[in-house]
Amino acid sequence: MTDTSRSPFRISSYSANGNCVEVSLGGGDDLVAVRHSRRTDDPPLLFNGAEWDAFIAGVKAGEFDRPLG
């Protein structure tokens, strides 16, 4: 598992109720760690740089937008 202690988890400033995800970048091993903000003792999900870049590109392209209505 990657050592995330060198790069703390960050939560979005849009988080109002604490029911969000936290992300740790640059914790070593070129991995991005993602965890639930209320379950910080659970192991994080780990993504390599290419996987994270593809996720960010998908977000920017609207791939994960919910249909209105």
N, C-alpha and C. Protein backbone atom coordinates (compact mmCIF):
# COMPACT_ATOMS: atom_id res chain seq x y z
N MET A 1 0.84 -1.18 0.00
CA MET A 1 0.00 0.00 0.00
C MET A 1 0.88 1.24 0.00
N THR A 2 0.39 2.29 -0.59
CA THR A 2 1.14 3.53 -0.67
C THR A 2 1.14 4.25 0.68
N ASP A 3 2.19 5.01 0.94
CA ASP A 3 2.28 5.80 2.17
C ASP A 3 1.68 7.17 1.91
N THR A 4 0.48 7.40 2.43
CA THR A 4 -0.18 8.69 2.22
C THR A 4 0.16 9.69 3.31
N SER A 5 0.99 9.33 4.26
CA SER A 5 1.32 10.25 5.35
C SER A 5 2.15 11.43 4.86
N ARG A 6 2.86 11.25 3.75
CA ARG A 6 3.67 12.35 3.22
C ARG A 6 2.84 13.35 2.45
N SER A 7 1.64 13.00 2.11
CA SER A 7 0.75 13.90 1.39
C SER A 7 -0.64 13.74 1.98
N PRO A 8 -1.06 14.69 2.79
CA PRO A 8 -2.34 14.52 3.50
C PRO A 8 -3.53 14.46 2.55
N PHE A 9 -4.58 13.84 3.03
CA PHE A 9 -5.83 13.81 2.27
C PHE A 9 -6.46 15.19 2.29
N ARG A 10 -7.06 15.55 1.17
CA ARG A 10 -7.76 16.84 1.05
C ARG A 10 -9.20 16.57 0.68
N ILE A 11 -10.08 17.42 1.19
CA ILE A 11 -11.50 17.30 0.90
C ILE A 11 -11.94 18.56 0.16
N SER A 12 -12.92 18.45 -0.68
CA SER A 12 -13.40 19.58 -1.46
C SER A 12 -13.94 20.69 -0.57
N SER A 13 -13.71 21.90 -0.97
CA SER A 13 -14.28 23.04 -0.25
C SER A 13 -15.79 23.10 -0.42
N TYR A 14 -16.33 22.35 -1.36
CA TYR A 14 -17.78 22.29 -1.58
C TYR A 14 -18.46 21.31 -0.62
N SER A 15 -17.68 20.58 0.14
CA SER A 15 -18.24 19.61 1.07
C SER A 15 -18.89 20.34 2.24
N ALA A 16 -20.19 20.12 2.41
CA ALA A 16 -20.91 20.81 3.48
C ALA A 16 -21.25 19.87 4.63
N ASN A 17 -21.54 18.62 4.33
CA ASN A 17 -22.01 17.71 5.37
C ASN A 17 -21.00 16.62 5.74
N GLY A 18 -19.80 16.69 5.19
CA GLY A 18 -18.78 15.71 5.52
C GLY A 18 -18.98 14.35 4.88
N ASN A 19 -19.94 14.21 4.01
CA ASN A 19 -20.22 12.95 3.34
C ASN A 19 -19.62 12.99 1.93
N CYS A 20 -18.31 13.07 1.87
CA CYS A 20 -17.62 13.26 0.59
C CYS A 20 -16.42 12.33 0.48
N VAL A 21 -15.70 12.50 -0.58
CA VAL A 21 -14.46 11.76 -0.76
C VAL A 21 -13.28 12.69 -0.47
N GLU A 22 -12.19 12.07 -0.08
CA GLU A 22 -10.94 12.79 0.14
C GLU A 22 -9.90 12.20 -0.83
N VAL A 23 -8.98 13.05 -1.26
CA VAL A 23 -7.97 12.63 -2.23
C VAL A 23 -6.59 12.99 -1.70
N SER A 24 -5.65 12.09 -1.89
CA SER A 24 -4.26 12.33 -1.53
C SER A 24 -3.41 12.15 -2.79
N LEU A 25 -2.73 13.20 -3.18
CA LEU A 25 -1.87 13.17 -4.37
C LEU A 25 -0.41 13.15 -3.95
N GLY A 26 0.39 12.42 -4.66
CA GLY A 26 1.83 12.45 -4.43
C GLY A 26 2.29 11.78 -3.16
N GLY A 27 1.57 10.77 -2.71
CA GLY A 27 1.96 10.07 -1.49
C GLY A 27 3.03 9.03 -1.72
N GLY A 28 3.59 8.98 -2.86
CA GLY A 28 4.61 7.99 -3.19
C GLY A 28 4.06 6.96 -4.16
N ASP A 29 4.94 6.24 -4.79
CA ASP A 29 4.59 5.19 -5.74
C ASP A 29 3.78 5.70 -6.93
N ASP A 30 3.75 7.02 -7.16
CA ASP A 30 3.00 7.62 -8.27
C ASP A 30 1.54 7.18 -8.26
N LEU A 31 0.94 7.11 -7.06
CA LEU A 31 -0.44 6.69 -6.93
C LEU A 31 -1.28 7.82 -6.34
N VAL A 32 -2.55 7.82 -6.68
CA VAL A 32 -3.52 8.73 -6.09
C VAL A 32 -4.41 7.88 -5.19
N ALA A 33 -4.58 8.31 -3.95
CA ALA A 33 -5.40 7.59 -2.99
C ALA A 33 -6.72 8.34 -2.79
N VAL A 34 -7.83 7.59 -2.77
CA VAL A 34 -9.16 8.17 -2.60
C VAL A 34 -9.86 7.40 -1.49
N ARG A 35 -10.50 8.13 -0.57
CA ARG A 35 -11.23 7.47 0.51
C ARG A 35 -12.49 8.26 0.88
N HIS A 36 -13.39 7.62 1.60
CA HIS A 36 -14.61 8.25 2.09
C HIS A 36 -14.23 9.10 3.30
N SER A 37 -14.75 10.32 3.36
CA SER A 37 -14.35 11.23 4.43
C SER A 37 -14.83 10.80 5.81
N ARG A 38 -15.83 9.95 5.88
CA ARG A 38 -16.32 9.47 7.18
C ARG A 38 -15.79 8.08 7.54
N ARG A 39 -15.02 7.49 6.65
CA ARG A 39 -14.48 6.14 6.90
C ARG A 39 -12.98 6.16 6.68
N THR A 40 -12.33 7.03 7.41
CA THR A 40 -10.90 7.26 7.19
C THR A 40 -10.01 6.09 7.64
N ASP A 41 -10.54 5.17 8.41
CA ASP A 41 -9.76 4.00 8.82
C ASP A 41 -9.77 2.90 7.77
N ASP A 42 -10.71 2.96 6.84
CA ASP A 42 -10.76 1.98 5.76
C ASP A 42 -9.61 2.23 4.79
N PRO A 43 -9.09 1.19 4.14
CA PRO A 43 -8.02 1.42 3.16
C PRO A 43 -8.54 2.23 1.97
N PRO A 44 -7.74 3.13 1.46
CA PRO A 44 -8.18 3.94 0.32
C PRO A 44 -8.14 3.15 -0.99
N LEU A 45 -8.89 3.63 -1.96
CA LEU A 45 -8.78 3.12 -3.32
C LEU A 45 -7.55 3.77 -3.94
N LEU A 46 -6.78 3.01 -4.69
CA LEU A 46 -5.55 3.52 -5.28
C LEU A 46 -5.64 3.51 -6.79
N PHE A 47 -5.19 4.59 -7.40
CA PHE A 47 -5.20 4.73 -8.86
C PHE A 47 -3.83 5.19 -9.32
N ASN A 48 -3.37 4.62 -10.43
CA ASN A 48 -2.10 5.11 -10.98
C ASN A 48 -2.35 6.41 -11.75
N GLY A 49 -1.29 7.05 -12.17
CA GLY A 49 -1.42 8.35 -12.83
C GLY A 49 -2.29 8.32 -14.08
N ALA A 50 -2.17 7.28 -14.89
CA ALA A 50 -2.97 7.18 -16.12
C ALA A 50 -4.45 7.02 -15.80
N GLU A 51 -4.75 6.22 -14.79
CA GLU A 51 -6.15 6.02 -14.40
C GLU A 51 -6.74 7.33 -13.87
N TRP A 52 -5.98 8.04 -13.04
CA TRP A 52 -6.47 9.30 -12.48
C TRP A 52 -6.67 10.33 -13.59
N ASP A 53 -5.73 10.43 -14.51
CA ASP A 53 -5.85 11.36 -15.63
C ASP A 53 -7.09 11.06 -16.46
N ALA A 54 -7.37 9.78 -16.70
CA ALA A 54 -8.57 9.40 -17.47
C ALA A 54 -9.84 9.78 -16.71
N PHE A 55 -9.84 9.61 -15.39
CA PHE A 55 -10.99 9.99 -14.59
C PHE A 55 -11.22 11.50 -14.67
N ILE A 56 -10.18 12.29 -14.48
CA ILE A 56 -10.31 13.75 -14.53
C ILE A 56 -10.79 14.20 -15.91
N ALA A 57 -10.25 13.60 -16.98
CA ALA A 57 -10.70 13.94 -18.33
C ALA A 57 -12.18 13.62 -18.50
N GLY A 58 -12.64 12.50 -17.95
CA GLY A 58 -14.06 12.13 -18.02
C GLY A 58 -14.94 13.10 -17.28
N VAL A 59 -14.49 13.56 -16.11
CA VAL A 59 -15.25 14.56 -15.35
C VAL A 59 -15.38 15.84 -16.16
N LYS A 60 -14.27 16.30 -16.71
CA LYS A 60 -14.28 17.54 -17.48
C LYS A 60 -15.14 17.42 -18.74
N ALA A 61 -15.24 16.21 -19.30
CA ALA A 61 -16.03 16.01 -20.51
C ALA A 61 -17.51 15.75 -20.20
N GLY A 62 -17.87 15.69 -18.93
CA GLY A 62 -19.26 15.49 -18.56
C GLY A 62 -19.72 14.04 -18.59
N GLU A 63 -18.78 13.10 -18.63
CA GLU A 63 -19.16 11.68 -18.71
C GLU A 63 -19.95 11.19 -17.51
N PHE A 64 -19.81 11.87 -16.38
CA PHE A 64 -20.45 11.41 -15.15
C PHE A 64 -21.63 12.29 -14.73
N ASP A 65 -22.01 13.22 -15.58
CA ASP A 65 -23.14 14.10 -15.25
C ASP A 65 -24.43 13.30 -15.22
N ARG A 66 -25.24 13.59 -14.23
CA ARG A 66 -26.55 12.95 -14.14
C ARG A 66 -27.53 13.69 -15.05
N PRO A 67 -28.43 12.97 -15.69
CA PRO A 67 -29.44 13.65 -16.50
C PRO A 67 -30.37 14.43 -15.59
N LEU A 68 -30.77 15.60 -16.01
CA LEU A 68 -31.71 16.41 -15.23
C LEU A 68 -33.11 15.86 -15.38
N GLY A 69 -33.88 15.98 -14.31
CA GLY A 69 -35.29 15.58 -14.39
C GLY A 69 -35.61 14.41 -13.64
